[in-house]
Amino acid sequence: MGTLGFPDFEEQEQHLMDLESYLLENIHASFMTKMKNSNLSSIGILKGDLIIIERRATVNYGDIVLVLTDEHHVFVKAEQFQGKTILRSFMTNDIQTSQAQVIGVIKGVVRKY
């Protein structure tokens, strides 16, 4: 049976990654929140995951977006529909952009085991 060892960090130091700079492209516009339910499990985001959100007023096709609608924060996906970008809820009907205030987009997810 083989043995497991720890890497030689002095030798590997040049290859170490700074987690903060990797996850936060715009540190002053970013924040982190904890996923409180399993509504996004279909896209691999689970209850208890930490979600990194970058504040942004505009969204791009394919973004997972945090919006404020009817006094609730909801995650939606930005999709193309008849030449326009719509925000489609993972749980309910479509949310029109005029009904939702965009808070930001998901830039990363952190999961602790």
PDB file of N, CA and C in Angstrom:
ATOM      1  N   MET A   1       0.834  -1.160   0.000  1.00  0.00           N
ATOM      2  CA  MET A   1       0.000   0.000   0.000  1.00  0.00           C
ATOM      3  C   MET A   1       0.893   1.242   0.000  1.00  0.00           C
ATOM      4  N   GLY A   2       0.533   2.236  -0.811  1.00  0.00           N
ATOM      5  CA  GLY A   2       1.320   3.460  -0.908  1.00  0.00           C
ATOM      6  C   GLY A   2       1.084   4.361   0.290  1.00  0.00           C
ATOM      7  N   THR A   3       1.866   5.397   0.370  1.00  0.00           N
ATOM      8  CA  THR A   3       1.707   6.364   1.454  1.00  0.00           C
ATOM      9  C   THR A   3       1.303   7.701   0.860  1.00  0.00           C
ATOM     10  N   LEU A   4       0.558   8.435   1.640  1.00  0.00           N
ATOM     11  CA  LEU A   4       0.149   9.772   1.234  1.00  0.00           C
ATOM     12  C   LEU A   4       1.035  10.776   1.936  1.00  0.00           C
ATOM     13  N   GLY A   5       1.419  11.788   1.238  1.00  0.00           N
ATOM     14  CA  GLY A   5       2.260  12.804   1.850  1.00  0.00           C
ATOM     15  C   GLY A   5       1.771  14.182   1.479  1.00  0.00           C
ATOM     16  N   PHE A   6       2.314  15.161   2.118  1.00  0.00           N
ATOM     17  CA  PHE A   6       1.973  16.529   1.813  1.00  0.00           C
ATOM     18  C   PHE A   6       2.961  17.067   0.787  1.00  0.00           C
ATOM     19  N   PRO A   7       2.482  17.935  -0.093  1.00  0.00           N
ATOM     20  CA  PRO A   7       3.411  18.498  -1.078  1.00  0.00           C
ATOM     21  C   PRO A   7       4.469  19.374  -0.414  1.00  0.00           C
ATOM     22  N   ASP A   8       5.574  19.511  -1.073  1.00  0.00           N
ATOM     23  CA  ASP A   8       6.637  20.389  -0.606  1.00  0.00           C
ATOM     24  C   ASP A   8       6.246  21.814  -0.997  1.00  0.00           C
ATOM     25  N   PHE A   9       5.711  22.588  -0.030  1.00  0.00           N
ATOM     26  CA  PHE A   9       5.173  23.902  -0.345  1.00  0.00           C
ATOM     27  C   PHE A   9       6.239  24.897  -0.779  1.00  0.00           C
ATOM     28  N   GLU A  10       7.442  24.751  -0.301  1.00  0.00           N
ATOM     29  CA  GLU A  10       8.494  25.663  -0.758  1.00  0.00           C
ATOM     30  C   GLU A  10       8.711  25.499  -2.252  1.00  0.00           C
ATOM     31  N   GLU A  11       8.663  24.273  -2.712  1.00  0.00           N
ATOM     32  CA  GLU A  11       8.855  23.992  -4.127  1.00  0.00           C
ATOM     33  C   GLU A  11       7.622  24.399  -4.941  1.00  0.00           C
ATOM     34  N   GLN A  12       6.454  24.278  -4.350  1.00  0.00           N
ATOM     35  CA  GLN A  12       5.202  24.521  -5.063  1.00  0.00           C
ATOM     36  C   GLN A  12       4.678  25.952  -4.893  1.00  0.00           C
ATOM     37  N   GLU A  13       5.343  26.758  -4.080  1.00  0.00           N
ATOM     38  CA  GLU A  13       4.843  28.092  -3.748  1.00  0.00           C
ATOM     39  C   GLU A  13       4.553  28.938  -4.987  1.00  0.00           C
ATOM     40  N   GLN A  14       5.349  28.816  -6.009  1.00  0.00           N
ATOM     41  CA  GLN A  14       5.140  29.612  -7.210  1.00  0.00           C
ATOM     42  C   GLN A  14       3.861  29.229  -7.943  1.00  0.00           C
ATOM     43  N   HIS A  15       3.270  28.064  -7.621  1.00  0.00           N
ATOM     44  CA  HIS A  15       2.061  27.605  -8.289  1.00  0.00           C
ATOM     45  C   HIS A  15       0.813  27.786  -7.438  1.00  0.00           C
ATOM     46  N   LEU A  16       0.963  28.336  -6.233  1.00  0.00           N
ATOM     47  CA  LEU A  16      -0.182  28.536  -5.357  1.00  0.00           C
ATOM     48  C   LEU A  16      -1.076  29.640  -5.907  1.00  0.00           C
ATOM     49  N   MET A  17      -2.374  29.466  -5.715  1.00  0.00           N
ATOM     50  CA  MET A  17      -3.348  30.406  -6.227  1.00  0.00           C
ATOM     51  C   MET A  17      -3.941  31.198  -5.067  1.00  0.00           C
ATOM     52  N   ASP A  18      -4.120  32.478  -5.263  1.00  0.00           N
ATOM     53  CA  ASP A  18      -4.789  33.327  -4.295  1.00  0.00           C
ATOM     54  C   ASP A  18      -6.286  33.221  -4.552  1.00  0.00           C
ATOM     55  N   LEU A  19      -7.007  32.602  -3.622  1.00  0.00           N
ATOM     56  CA  LEU A  19      -8.425  32.334  -3.804  1.00  0.00           C
ATOM     57  C   LEU A  19      -9.226  33.621  -3.970  1.00  0.00           C
ATOM     58  N   GLU A  20      -8.894  34.651  -3.217  1.00  0.00           N
ATOM     59  CA  GLU A  20      -9.620  35.913  -3.302  1.00  0.00           C
ATOM     60  C   GLU A  20      -9.516  36.542  -4.690  1.00  0.00           C
ATOM     61  N   SER A  21      -8.322  36.608  -5.236  1.00  0.00           N
ATOM     62  CA  SER A  21      -8.172  37.230  -6.556  1.00  0.00           C
ATOM     63  C   SER A  21      -8.761  36.354  -7.659  1.00  0.00           C
ATOM     64  N   TYR A  22      -8.808  35.039  -7.447  1.00  0.00           N
ATOM     65  CA  TYR A  22      -9.408  34.131  -8.423  1.00  0.00           C
ATOM     66  C   TYR A  22     -10.928  34.302  -8.467  1.00  0.00           C
ATOM     67  N   LEU A  23     -11.559  34.430  -7.296  1.00  0.00           N
ATOM     68  CA  LEU A  23     -13.017  34.470  -7.232  1.00  0.00           C
ATOM     69  C   LEU A  23     -13.593  35.875  -7.407  1.00  0.00           C
ATOM     70  N   LEU A  24     -12.851  36.894  -7.043  1.00  0.00           N
ATOM     71  CA  LEU A  24     -13.388  38.251  -7.050  1.00  0.00           C
ATOM     72  C   LEU A  24     -12.720  39.089  -8.127  1.00  0.00           C
ATOM     73  N   GLU A  25     -13.353  39.162  -9.284  1.00  0.00           N
ATOM     74  CA  GLU A  25     -12.804  39.957 -10.380  1.00  0.00           C
ATOM     75  C   GLU A  25     -12.898  41.447 -10.058  1.00  0.00           C
ATOM     76  N   ASN A  26     -13.999  41.846  -9.437  1.00  0.00           N
ATOM     77  CA  ASN A  26     -14.194  43.240  -9.046  1.00  0.00           C
ATOM     78  C   ASN A  26     -14.510  43.247  -7.555  1.00  0.00           C
ATOM     79  N   ILE A  27     -13.488  43.296  -6.728  1.00  0.00           N
ATOM     80  CA  ILE A  27     -13.647  43.114  -5.281  1.00  0.00           C
ATOM     81  C   ILE A  27     -14.567  44.159  -4.661  1.00  0.00           C
ATOM     82  N   HIS A  28     -14.587  45.374  -5.169  1.00  0.00           N
ATOM     83  CA  HIS A  28     -15.393  46.435  -4.582  1.00  0.00           C
ATOM     84  C   HIS A  28     -16.865  46.324  -4.949  1.00  0.00           C
ATOM     85  N   ALA A  29     -17.183  45.516  -5.948  1.00  0.00           N
ATOM     86  CA  ALA A  29     -18.576  45.347  -6.356  1.00  0.00           C
ATOM     87  C   ALA A  29     -19.091  43.948  -6.032  1.00  0.00           C
ATOM     88  N   SER A  30     -18.350  43.196  -5.241  1.00  0.00           N
ATOM     89  CA  SER A  30     -18.713  41.806  -4.974  1.00  0.00           C
ATOM     90  C   SER A  30     -19.115  41.591  -3.517  1.00  0.00           C
ATOM     91  N   PHE A  31     -20.001  40.623  -3.333  1.00  0.00           N
ATOM     92  CA  PHE A  31     -20.361  40.192  -1.992  1.00  0.00           C
ATOM     93  C   PHE A  31     -20.691  38.702  -2.036  1.00  0.00           C
ATOM     94  N   MET A  32     -20.794  38.110  -0.858  1.00  0.00           N
ATOM     95  CA  MET A  32     -21.043  36.680  -0.774  1.00  0.00           C
ATOM     96  C   MET A  32     -22.275  36.450   0.093  1.00  0.00           C
ATOM     97  N   THR A  33     -23.086  35.472  -0.289  1.00  0.00           N
ATOM     98  CA  THR A  33     -24.255  35.097   0.479  1.00  0.00           C
ATOM     99  C   THR A  33     -24.360  33.582   0.511  1.00  0.00           C
ATOM    100  N   LYS A  34     -25.070  33.081   1.487  1.00  0.00           N
ATOM    101  CA  LYS A  34     -25.220  31.630   1.645  1.00  0.00           C
ATOM    102  C   LYS A  34     -26.559  31.196   1.041  1.00  0.00           C
ATOM    103  N   MET A  35     -26.534  30.144   0.250  1.00  0.00           N
ATOM    104  CA  MET A  35     -27.752  29.604  -0.353  1.00  0.00           C
ATOM    105  C   MET A  35     -28.595  28.970   0.751  1.00  0.00           C
ATOM    106  N   LYS A  36     -29.831  29.447   0.904  1.00  0.00           N
ATOM    107  CA  LYS A  36     -30.676  29.008   2.002  1.00  0.00           C
ATOM    108  C   LYS A  36     -31.631  27.877   1.643  1.00  0.00           C
ATOM    109  N   ASN A  37     -31.720  27.546   0.360  1.00  0.00           N
ATOM    110  CA  ASN A  37     -32.624  26.478  -0.058  1.00  0.00           C
ATOM    111  C   ASN A  37     -32.000  25.716  -1.220  1.00  0.00           C
ATOM    112  N   SER A  38     -32.747  24.802  -1.788  1.00  0.00           N
ATOM    113  CA  SER A  38     -32.210  23.981  -2.886  1.00  0.00           C
ATOM    114  C   SER A  38     -32.814  24.364  -4.230  1.00  0.00           C
ATOM    115  N   ASN A  39     -33.283  25.607  -4.379  1.00  0.00           N
ATOM    116  CA  ASN A  39     -33.922  26.045  -5.615  1.00  0.00           C
ATOM    117  C   ASN A  39     -33.000  26.003  -6.828  1.00  0.00           C
ATOM    118  N   LEU A  40     -31.690  26.069  -6.628  1.00  0.00           N
ATOM    119  CA  LEU A  40     -30.746  26.081  -7.751  1.00  0.00           C
ATOM    120  C   LEU A  40     -30.004  24.752  -7.895  1.00  0.00           C
ATOM    121  N   SER A  41     -30.495  23.705  -7.250  1.00  0.00           N
ATOM    122  CA  SER A  41     -29.807  22.411  -7.323  1.00  0.00           C
ATOM    123  C   SER A  41     -29.758  21.864  -8.751  1.00  0.00           C
ATOM    124  N   SER A  42     -30.700  22.268  -9.593  1.00  0.00           N
ATOM    125  CA  SER A  42     -30.702  21.804 -10.986  1.00  0.00           C
ATOM    126  C   SER A  42     -29.491  22.312 -11.768  1.00  0.00           C
ATOM    127  N   ILE A  43     -28.850  23.377 -11.268  1.00  0.00           N
ATOM    128  CA  ILE A  43     -27.641  23.885 -11.933  1.00  0.00           C
ATOM    129  C   ILE A  43     -26.407  23.688 -11.062  1.00  0.00           C
ATOM    130  N   GLY A  44     -26.536  22.842 -10.034  1.00  0.00           N
ATOM    131  CA  GLY A  44     -25.376  22.474  -9.235  1.00  0.00           C
ATOM    132  C   GLY A  44     -25.077  23.360  -8.047  1.00  0.00           C
ATOM    133  N   ILE A  45     -25.970  24.278  -7.711  1.00  0.00           N
ATOM    134  CA  ILE A  45     -25.789  25.127  -6.538  1.00  0.00           C
ATOM    135  C   ILE A  45     -26.695  24.577  -5.443  1.00  0.00           C
ATOM    136  N   LEU A  46     -26.097  24.158  -4.334  1.00  0.00           N
ATOM    137  CA  LEU A  46     -26.825  23.445  -3.298  1.00  0.00           C
ATOM    138  C   LEU A  46     -27.046  24.294  -2.057  1.00  0.00           C
ATOM    139  N   LYS A  47     -28.009  23.891  -1.244  1.00  0.00           N
ATOM    140  CA  LYS A  47     -28.271  24.543   0.032  1.00  0.00           C
ATOM    141  C   LYS A  47     -26.980  24.539   0.852  1.00  0.00           C
ATOM    142  N   GLY A  48     -26.615  25.702   1.392  1.00  0.00           N
ATOM    143  CA  GLY A  48     -25.395  25.831   2.177  1.00  0.00           C
ATOM    144  C   GLY A  48     -24.196  26.333   1.386  1.00  0.00           C
ATOM    145  N   ASP A  49     -24.248  26.297   0.047  1.00  0.00           N
ATOM    146  CA  ASP A  49     -23.151  26.823  -0.763  1.00  0.00           C
ATOM    147  C   ASP A  49     -23.020  28.330  -0.558  1.00  0.00           C
ATOM    148  N   LEU A  50     -21.807  28.838  -0.650  1.00  0.00           N
ATOM    149  CA  LEU A  50     -21.571  30.277  -0.637  1.00  0.00           C
ATOM    150  C   LEU A  50     -21.559  30.758  -2.077  1.00  0.00           C
ATOM    151  N   ILE A  51     -22.316  31.788  -2.343  1.00  0.00           N
ATOM    152  CA  ILE A  51     -22.452  32.308  -3.709  1.00  0.00           C
ATOM    153  C   ILE A  51     -21.794  33.673  -3.770  1.00  0.00           C
ATOM    154  N   ILE A  52     -20.914  33.856  -4.741  1.00  0.00           N
ATOM    155  CA  ILE A  52     -20.246  35.134  -4.939  1.00  0.00           C
ATOM    156  C   ILE A  52     -21.019  35.886  -6.011  1.00  0.00           C
ATOM    157  N   ILE A  53     -21.472  37.075  -5.651  1.00  0.00           N
ATOM    158  CA  ILE A  53     -22.281  37.893  -6.553  1.00  0.00           C
ATOM    159  C   ILE A  53     -21.558  39.196  -6.818  1.00  0.00           C
ATOM    160  N   GLU A  54     -21.504  39.569  -8.092  1.00  0.00           N
ATOM    161  CA  GLU A  54     -20.932  40.854  -8.487  1.00  0.00           C
ATOM    162  C   GLU A  54     -22.075  41.797  -8.808  1.00  0.00           C
ATOM    163  N   ARG A  55     -22.129  42.920  -8.085  1.00  0.00           N
ATOM    164  CA  ARG A  55     -23.180  43.910  -8.338  1.00  0.00           C
ATOM    165  C   ARG A  55     -23.040  44.422  -9.764  1.00  0.00           C
ATOM    166  N   ARG A  56     -24.160  44.415 -10.452  1.00  0.00           N
ATOM    167  CA  ARG A  56     -24.156  44.854 -11.844  1.00  0.00           C
ATOM    168  C   ARG A  56     -25.581  45.233 -12.229  1.00  0.00           C
ATOM    169  N   ALA A  57     -25.754  46.289 -12.979  1.00  0.00           N
ATOM    170  CA  ALA A  57     -27.087  46.726 -13.393  1.00  0.00           C
ATOM    171  C   ALA A  57     -27.536  46.051 -14.685  1.00  0.00           C
ATOM    172  N   THR A  58     -26.591  45.584 -15.486  1.00  0.00           N
ATOM    173  CA  THR A  58     -26.945  44.940 -16.750  1.00  0.00           C
ATOM    174  C   THR A  58     -26.546  43.469 -16.706  1.00  0.00           C
ATOM    175  N   VAL A  59     -27.210  42.674 -17.514  1.00  0.00           N
ATOM    176  CA  VAL A  59     -26.935  41.242 -17.546  1.00  0.00           C
ATOM    177  C   VAL A  59     -26.662  40.807 -18.975  1.00  0.00           C
ATOM    178  N   ASN A  60     -26.012  39.673 -19.097  1.00  0.00           N
ATOM    179  CA  ASN A  60     -25.734  39.082 -20.400  1.00  0.00           C
ATOM    180  C   ASN A  60     -26.472  37.756 -20.525  1.00  0.00           C
ATOM    181  N   TYR A  61     -26.752  37.382 -21.751  1.00  0.00           N
ATOM    182  CA  TYR A  61     -27.397  36.103 -22.023  1.00  0.00           C
ATOM    183  C   TYR A  61     -26.609  34.984 -21.341  1.00  0.00           C
ATOM    184  N   GLY A  62     -27.293  34.144 -20.574  1.00  0.00           N
ATOM    185  CA  GLY A  62     -26.662  33.030 -19.884  1.00  0.00           C
ATOM    186  C   GLY A  62     -26.291  33.304 -18.442  1.00  0.00           C
ATOM    187  N   ASP A  63     -26.308  34.571 -18.014  1.00  0.00           N
ATOM    188  CA  ASP A  63     -25.982  34.903 -16.627  1.00  0.00           C
ATOM    189  C   ASP A  63     -27.035  34.343 -15.671  1.00  0.00           C
ATOM    190  N   ILE A  64     -26.596  33.932 -14.484  1.00  0.00           N
ATOM    191  CA  ILE A  64     -27.501  33.633 -13.382  1.00  0.00           C
ATOM    192  C   ILE A  64     -27.534  34.904 -12.552  1.00  0.00           C
ATOM    193  N   VAL A  65     -28.724  35.473 -12.382  1.00  0.00           N
ATOM    194  CA  VAL A  65     -28.890  36.830 -11.882  1.00  0.00           C
ATOM    195  C   VAL A  65     -29.667  36.833 -10.568  1.00  0.00           C
ATOM    196  N   LEU A  66     -29.224  37.664  -9.620  1.00  0.00           N
ATOM    197  CA  LEU A  66     -29.983  37.909  -8.406  1.00  0.00           C
ATOM    198  C   LEU A  66     -30.811  39.164  -8.639  1.00  0.00           C
ATOM    199  N   VAL A  67     -32.140  39.041  -8.505  1.00  0.00           N
ATOM    200  CA  VAL A  67     -33.029  40.182  -8.699  1.00  0.00           C
ATOM    201  C   VAL A  67     -33.886  40.379  -7.459  1.00  0.00           C
ATOM    202  N   LEU A  68     -34.395  41.581  -7.313  1.00  0.00           N
ATOM    203  CA  LEU A  68     -35.349  41.904  -6.265  1.00  0.00           C
ATOM    204  C   LEU A  68     -36.686  42.122  -6.947  1.00  0.00           C
ATOM    205  N   THR A  69     -37.680  41.335  -6.564  1.00  0.00           N
ATOM    206  CA  THR A  69     -39.015  41.460  -7.128  1.00  0.00           C
ATOM    207  C   THR A  69     -40.034  41.206  -6.029  1.00  0.00           C
ATOM    208  N   ASP A  70     -41.040  42.038  -5.933  1.00  0.00           N
ATOM    209  CA  ASP A  70     -42.078  41.892  -4.898  1.00  0.00           C
ATOM    210  C   ASP A  70     -41.470  41.714  -3.509  1.00  0.00           C
ATOM    211  N   GLU A  71     -40.431  42.463  -3.201  1.00  0.00           N
ATOM    212  CA  GLU A  71     -39.758  42.436  -1.904  1.00  0.00           C
ATOM    213  C   GLU A  71     -39.063  41.109  -1.593  1.00  0.00           C
ATOM    214  N   HIS A  72     -38.821  40.282  -2.599  1.00  0.00           N
ATOM    215  CA  HIS A  72     -38.118  39.012  -2.426  1.00  0.00           C
ATOM    216  C   HIS A  72     -36.905  38.980  -3.337  1.00  0.00           C
ATOM    217  N   HIS A  73     -35.815  38.406  -2.849  1.00  0.00           N
ATOM    218  CA  HIS A  73     -34.651  38.168  -3.691  1.00  0.00           C
ATOM    219  C   HIS A  73     -34.825  36.820  -4.366  1.00  0.00           C
ATOM    220  N   VAL A  74     -34.621  36.798  -5.679  1.00  0.00           N
ATOM    221  CA  VAL A  74     -34.845  35.594  -6.477  1.00  0.00           C
ATOM    222  C   VAL A  74     -33.683  35.441  -7.461  1.00  0.00           C
ATOM    223  N   PHE A  75     -33.237  34.203  -7.675  1.00  0.00           N
ATOM    224  CA  PHE A  75     -32.256  33.931  -8.720  1.00  0.00           C
ATOM    225  C   PHE A  75     -32.994  33.557  -9.986  1.00  0.00           C
ATOM    226  N   VAL A  76     -32.570  34.145 -11.105  1.00  0.00           N
ATOM    227  CA  VAL A  76     -33.164  33.893 -12.411  1.00  0.00           C
ATOM    228  C   VAL A  76     -32.050  33.704 -13.433  1.00  0.00           C
ATOM    229  N   LYS A  77     -32.407  33.211 -14.599  1.00  0.00           N
ATOM    230  CA  LYS A  77     -31.429  33.049 -15.674  1.00  0.00           C
ATOM    231  C   LYS A  77     -31.785  33.997 -16.803  1.00  0.00           C
ATOM    232  N   ALA A  78     -30.786  34.711 -17.299  1.00  0.00           N
ATOM    233  CA  ALA A  78     -30.982  35.602 -18.443  1.00  0.00           C
ATOM    234  C   ALA A  78     -30.976  34.769 -19.713  1.00  0.00           C
ATOM    235  N   GLU A  79     -32.076  34.823 -20.466  1.00  0.00           N
ATOM    236  CA  GLU A  79     -32.225  34.038 -21.696  1.00  0.00           C
ATOM    237  C   GLU A  79     -32.672  34.928 -22.836  1.00  0.00           C
ATOM    238  N   GLN A  80     -32.433  34.463 -24.043  1.00  0.00           N
ATOM    239  CA  GLN A  80     -32.898  35.148 -25.242  1.00  0.00           C
ATOM    240  C   GLN A  80     -34.290  34.638 -25.599  1.00  0.00           C
ATOM    241  N   PHE A  81     -35.208  35.553 -25.906  1.00  0.00           N
ATOM    242  CA  PHE A  81     -36.550  35.184 -26.344  1.00  0.00           C
ATOM    243  C   PHE A  81     -37.022  36.230 -27.328  1.00  0.00           C
ATOM    244  N   GLN A  82     -37.230  35.818 -28.562  1.00  0.00           N
ATOM    245  CA  GLN A  82     -37.682  36.705 -29.640  1.00  0.00           C
ATOM    246  C   GLN A  82     -36.833  37.971 -29.722  1.00  0.00           C
ATOM    247  N   GLY A  83     -35.523  37.783 -29.653  1.00  0.00           N
ATOM    248  CA  GLY A  83     -34.589  38.888 -29.817  1.00  0.00           C
ATOM    249  C   GLY A  83     -34.389  39.760 -28.583  1.00  0.00           C
ATOM    250  N   LYS A  84     -35.039  39.418 -27.486  1.00  0.00           N
ATOM    251  CA  LYS A  84     -34.911  40.204 -26.266  1.00  0.00           C
ATOM    252  C   LYS A  84     -34.364  39.321 -25.150  1.00  0.00           C
ATOM    253  N   THR A  85     -33.727  39.950 -24.183  1.00  0.00           N
ATOM    254  CA  THR A  85     -33.262  39.222 -23.007  1.00  0.00           C
ATOM    255  C   THR A  85     -34.378  39.226 -21.977  1.00  0.00           C
ATOM    256  N   ILE A  86     -34.758  38.037 -21.531  1.00  0.00           N
ATOM    257  CA  ILE A  86     -35.747  37.908 -20.467  1.00  0.00           C
ATOM    258  C   ILE A  86     -35.079  37.244 -19.274  1.00  0.00           C
ATOM    259  N   LEU A  87     -35.683  37.389 -18.122  1.00  0.00           N
ATOM    260  CA  LEU A  87     -35.189  36.767 -16.913  1.00  0.00           C
ATOM    261  C   LEU A  87     -36.161  35.661 -16.533  1.00  0.00           C
ATOM    262  N   ARG A  88     -35.699  34.405 -16.625  1.00  0.00           N
ATOM    263  CA  ARG A  88     -36.562  33.257 -16.366  1.00  0.00           C
ATOM    264  C   ARG A  88     -36.271  32.687 -14.986  1.00  0.00           C
ATOM    265  N   SER A  89     -37.321  32.595 -14.182  1.00  0.00           N
ATOM    266  CA  SER A  89     -37.195  32.066 -12.832  1.00  0.00           C
ATOM    267  C   SER A  89     -36.943  30.563 -12.875  1.00  0.00           C
ATOM    268  N   PHE A  90     -36.219  30.066 -11.904  1.00  0.00           N
ATOM    269  CA  PHE A  90     -36.003  28.624 -11.782  1.00  0.00           C
ATOM    270  C   PHE A  90     -37.207  27.946 -11.140  1.00  0.00           C
ATOM    271  N   MET A  91     -38.086  28.714 -10.491  1.00  0.00           N
ATOM    272  CA  MET A  91     -39.190  28.134  -9.737  1.00  0.00           C
ATOM    273  C   MET A  91     -40.579  28.503 -10.256  1.00  0.00           C
ATOM    274  N   THR A  92     -40.721  29.659 -10.900  1.00  0.00           N
ATOM    275  CA  THR A  92     -42.056  30.129 -11.292  1.00  0.00           C
ATOM    276  C   THR A  92     -42.051  30.575 -12.744  1.00  0.00           C
ATOM    277  N   ASN A  93     -43.010  31.399 -13.110  1.00  0.00           N
ATOM    278  CA  ASN A  93     -43.119  31.915 -14.468  1.00  0.00           C
ATOM    279  C   ASN A  93     -42.009  32.923 -14.767  1.00  0.00           C
ATOM    280  N   ASP A  94     -41.948  33.357 -16.017  1.00  0.00           N
ATOM    281  CA  ASP A  94     -40.962  34.362 -16.418  1.00  0.00           C
ATOM    282  C   ASP A  94     -41.136  35.632 -15.594  1.00  0.00           C
ATOM    283  N   ILE A  95     -40.036  36.299 -15.347  1.00  0.00           N
ATOM    284  CA  ILE A  95     -40.060  37.606 -14.693  1.00  0.00           C
ATOM    285  C   ILE A  95     -39.613  38.618 -15.739  1.00  0.00           C
ATOM    286  N   GLN A  96     -40.435  39.569 -15.997  1.00  0.00           N
ATOM    287  CA  GLN A  96     -40.076  40.606 -16.958  1.00  0.00           C
ATOM    288  C   GLN A  96     -39.085  41.563 -16.310  1.00  0.00           C
ATOM    289  N   THR A  97     -38.177  42.095 -17.104  1.00  0.00           N
ATOM    290  CA  THR A  97     -37.151  42.983 -16.544  1.00  0.00           C
ATOM    291  C   THR A  97     -37.752  44.223 -15.915  1.00  0.00           C
ATOM    292  N   SER A  98     -38.919  44.658 -16.374  1.00  0.00           N
ATOM    293  CA  SER A  98     -39.535  45.845 -15.777  1.00  0.00           C
ATOM    294  C   SER A  98     -40.062  45.562 -14.369  1.00  0.00           C
ATOM    295  N   GLN A  99     -40.276  44.286 -14.029  1.00  0.00           N
ATOM    296  CA  GLN A  99     -40.780  43.915 -12.712  1.00  0.00           C
ATOM    297  C   GLN A  99     -39.658  43.586 -11.735  1.00  0.00           C
ATOM    298  N   ALA A 100     -38.450  43.513 -12.191  1.00  0.00           N
ATOM    299  CA  ALA A 100     -37.353  43.045 -11.352  1.00  0.00           C
ATOM    300  C   ALA A 100     -36.212  44.049 -11.349  1.00  0.00           C
ATOM    301  N   GLN A 101     -35.668  44.291 -10.162  1.00  0.00           N
ATOM    302  CA  GLN A 101     -34.480  45.129 -10.034  1.00  0.00           C
ATOM    303  C   GLN A 101     -33.272  44.201  -9.980  1.00  0.00           C
ATOM    304  N   VAL A 102     -32.373  44.339 -10.942  1.00  0.00           N
ATOM    305  CA  VAL A 102     -31.173  43.506 -10.983  1.00  0.00           C
ATOM    306  C   VAL A 102     -30.228  43.945  -9.872  1.00  0.00           C
ATOM    307  N   ILE A 103     -29.828  42.981  -9.035  1.00  0.00           N
ATOM    308  CA  ILE A 103     -28.863  43.235  -7.967  1.00  0.00           C
ATOM    309  C   ILE A 103     -27.459  42.904  -8.455  1.00  0.00           C
ATOM    310  N   GLY A 104     -27.305  41.749  -9.128  1.00  0.00           N
ATOM    311  CA  GLY A 104     -25.996  41.339  -9.628  1.00  0.00           C
ATOM    312  C   GLY A 104     -26.053  39.951 -10.235  1.00  0.00           C
ATOM    313  N   VAL A 105     -24.890  39.454 -10.642  1.00  0.00           N
ATOM    314  CA  VAL A 105     -24.797  38.144 -11.278  1.00  0.00           C
ATOM    315  C   VAL A 105     -23.872  37.239 -10.466  1.00  0.00           C
ATOM    316  N   ILE A 106     -24.168  35.941 -10.514  1.00  0.00           N
ATOM    317  CA  ILE A 106     -23.328  34.975  -9.827  1.00  0.00           C
ATOM    318  C   ILE A 106     -22.008  34.848 -10.579  1.00  0.00           C
ATOM    319  N   LYS A 107     -20.912  35.014  -9.850  1.00  0.00           N
ATOM    320  CA  LYS A 107     -19.569  34.897 -10.425  1.00  0.00           C
ATOM    321  C   LYS A 107     -18.848  33.648  -9.943  1.00  0.00           C
ATOM    322  N   GLY A 108     -19.347  33.030  -8.869  1.00  0.00           N
ATOM    323  CA  GLY A 108     -18.695  31.839  -8.360  1.00  0.00           C
ATOM    324  C   GLY A 108     -19.471  31.202  -7.229  1.00  0.00           C
ATOM    325  N   VAL A 109     -19.123  29.969  -6.929  1.00  0.00           N
ATOM    326  CA  VAL A 109     -19.752  29.215  -5.850  1.00  0.00           C
ATOM    327  C   VAL A 109     -18.651  28.512  -5.062  1.00  0.00           C
ATOM    328  N   VAL A 110     -18.777  28.535  -3.732  1.00  0.00           N
ATOM    329  CA  VAL A 110     -17.828  27.871  -2.864  1.00  0.00           C
ATOM    330  C   VAL A 110     -18.602  26.848  -2.037  1.00  0.00           C
ATOM    331  N   ARG A 111     -18.088  25.639  -2.007  1.00  0.00           N
ATOM    332  CA  ARG A 111     -18.740  24.571  -1.230  1.00  0.00           C
ATOM    333  C   ARG A 111     -17.727  23.962  -0.279  1.00  0.00           C
ATOM    334  N   LYS A 112     -18.136  23.819   0.968  1.00  0.00           N
ATOM    335  CA  LYS A 112     -17.278  23.228   1.975  1.00  0.00           C
ATOM    336  C   LYS A 112     -17.794  21.817   2.263  1.00  0.00           C
ATOM    337  N   TYR A 113     -16.885  20.864   2.304  1.00  0.00           N
ATOM    338  CA  TYR A 113     -17.270  19.475   2.581  1.00  0.00           C
ATOM    339  C   TYR A 113     -16.947  19.107   3.999  1.00  0.00           C
TER     340      TYR A 113
END
